[in-house]
Amino acid sequence: MTPPPGPAARRDKGLVRPYVVTEGRSHPTRNTFDLVTLVMAHDDRPLTGLSPEKRALMELCLGGALSVAEIAGHLMLPVSVTKVLLGDLVDSGHLSTRAPIPSADLPEAQILQEVLDGLRARL
């Protein structure tokens, strides 16, 4: 008799249902996550006691700031499930978030083109 597959194999085959991953919740504790909200992990928080999905999310975010959409894509989880997990980890102090830079604060394309042209002229 073949033993049942482990958690990673079940997740890869889609056998772990989203309501199991989110413990039956369909909405995050906070509704402040857009697809472009940036997420940063705090490396001083212990990973013990976290579910496999939350641990994978933490390990992914330790490399630097990622958007909610990027996290969902890397973990191959629906965005709604990712938002629930993010809410839990923000509440526990494992993660912090910030809104992306508003487009009004970004430099104009003309200025960037002038800088690029100046650099090319020097090289």
Protein backbone atom coordinates (compact mmCIF):
# COMPACT_ATOMS: atom_id res chain seq x y z
CA MET A 1 0.00 0.00 0.00
CA THR A 2 1.39 3.41 -0.96
CA PRO A 3 1.51 5.99 1.84
CA PRO A 4 -0.52 9.16 1.34
CA PRO A 5 1.37 12.06 -0.26
CA GLY A 6 2.98 14.68 1.96
CA PRO A 7 1.79 18.29 2.27
CA ALA A 8 3.94 19.54 -0.64
CA ALA A 9 2.64 16.86 -3.01
CA ARG A 10 -0.96 17.55 -2.01
CA ARG A 11 -0.49 21.27 -2.62
CA ASP A 12 1.12 20.61 -6.02
CA LYS A 13 -1.80 18.46 -7.10
CA GLY A 14 -4.38 20.89 -5.74
CA LEU A 15 -5.66 18.50 -3.08
CA VAL A 16 -5.39 21.01 -0.24
CA ARG A 17 -8.49 23.13 -0.49
CA PRO A 18 -8.26 26.89 0.08
CA TYR A 19 -10.60 26.77 3.09
CA VAL A 20 -8.19 24.36 4.78
CA VAL A 21 -5.23 26.68 4.17
CA THR A 22 -7.17 29.70 5.52
CA GLU A 23 -8.79 27.75 8.38
CA GLY A 24 -12.24 28.33 6.93
CA ARG A 25 -11.95 32.10 6.47
CA SER A 26 -12.69 33.78 3.17
CA HIS A 27 -11.63 37.33 4.09
CA PRO A 28 -8.45 38.68 5.71
CA THR A 29 -8.61 40.31 9.14
CA ARG A 30 -7.66 43.58 7.45
CA ASN A 31 -8.80 44.60 4.00
CA THR A 32 -5.83 46.77 3.05
CA PHE A 33 -4.10 44.52 0.53
CA ASP A 34 -4.15 45.52 -3.12
CA LEU A 35 -2.45 43.41 -5.75
CA VAL A 36 0.44 45.89 -5.73
CA THR A 37 0.78 46.27 -1.94
CA LEU A 38 4.42 45.63 -1.04
CA VAL A 39 5.16 43.06 1.66
CA MET A 40 8.36 42.82 3.73
CA ALA A 41 9.26 40.08 6.21
CA HIS A 42 10.81 40.69 9.63
CA ASP A 43 13.70 38.28 10.03
CA ASP A 44 13.68 38.54 13.83
CA ARG A 45 10.39 36.65 14.21
CA PRO A 46 10.43 32.87 14.78
CA LEU A 47 8.98 30.63 12.09
CA THR A 48 8.08 27.84 14.50
CA GLY A 49 4.39 27.11 14.77
CA LEU A 50 3.55 28.51 11.34
CA SER A 51 1.66 26.45 8.78
CA PRO A 52 3.64 25.24 5.75
CA GLU A 53 2.02 27.92 3.57
CA LYS A 54 2.80 30.71 6.02
CA ARG A 55 6.36 29.46 6.41
CA ALA A 56 6.83 29.39 2.62
CA LEU A 57 5.40 32.90 2.40
CA MET A 58 7.82 34.13 5.08
CA GLU A 59 10.82 32.49 3.41
CA LEU A 60 9.82 34.06 0.10
CA CYS A 61 9.51 37.55 1.58
CA LEU A 62 12.81 37.40 3.46
CA GLY A 63 14.56 38.08 0.14
CA GLY A 64 13.07 41.57 -0.14
CA ALA A 65 9.82 43.41 -0.80
CA LEU A 66 7.32 41.61 -3.03
CA SER A 67 3.84 42.55 -4.16
CA VAL A 68 0.78 40.54 -3.17
CA ALA A 69 0.39 39.40 -6.80
CA GLU A 70 4.00 38.19 -6.93
CA ILE A 71 3.62 36.26 -3.68
CA ALA A 72 0.43 34.57 -4.90
CA GLY A 73 2.15 33.64 -8.15
CA HIS A 74 5.26 32.22 -6.52
CA LEU A 75 3.23 30.20 -4.01
CA MET A 76 0.69 29.13 -6.65
CA LEU A 77 -2.17 30.14 -4.35
CA PRO A 78 -5.28 32.16 -5.18
CA VAL A 79 -4.92 35.86 -4.34
CA SER A 80 -7.81 35.63 -1.86
CA VAL A 81 -6.04 32.87 0.07
CA THR A 82 -2.76 34.81 -0.04
CA LYS A 83 -4.49 37.88 1.41
CA VAL A 84 -5.87 35.85 4.34
CA LEU A 85 -2.40 34.44 5.07
CA LEU A 86 -0.84 37.91 4.79
CA GLY A 87 -3.40 39.33 7.21
CA ASP A 88 -2.54 36.65 9.77
CA LEU A 89 1.21 37.27 9.41
CA VAL A 90 0.82 41.06 9.65
CA ASP A 91 -1.31 40.63 12.78
CA SER A 92 1.35 38.40 14.36
CA GLY A 93 4.14 40.88 13.52
CA HIS A 94 5.92 38.64 11.02
CA LEU A 95 5.28 40.97 8.06
CA SER A 96 4.84 44.65 7.36
CA THR A 97 3.25 46.20 4.31
CA ARG A 98 3.30 49.50 2.52
CA ALA A 99 1.43 50.96 -0.38
CA PRO A 100 3.32 51.22 -3.65
CA ILE A 101 4.79 54.56 -4.68
CA PRO A 102 1.99 56.66 -6.17
CA SER A 103 2.43 57.43 -9.84
CA ALA A 104 2.48 61.16 -9.07
CA ASP A 105 5.72 60.69 -7.10
CA LEU A 106 7.53 58.87 -9.89
CA PRO A 107 9.92 60.86 -12.08
CA GLU A 108 8.70 61.81 -15.53
CA ALA A 109 9.81 59.70 -18.48
CA GLN A 110 11.44 62.73 -20.10
CA ILE A 111 13.77 63.24 -17.13
CA LEU A 112 14.72 59.57 -17.13
CA GLN A 113 15.41 59.71 -20.87
CA GLU A 114 17.68 62.77 -20.40
CA VAL A 115 19.63 60.97 -17.66
CA LEU A 116 20.00 57.91 -19.88
CA ASP A 117 21.15 60.04 -22.81
CA GLY A 118 23.69 61.80 -20.57
CA LEU A 119 25.09 58.50 -19.33
CA ARG A 120 25.38 57.14 -22.87
CA ALA A 121 27.21 60.30 -23.96
CA ARG A 122 29.83 59.81 -21.23
CA LEU A 123 30.46 56.18 -22.08
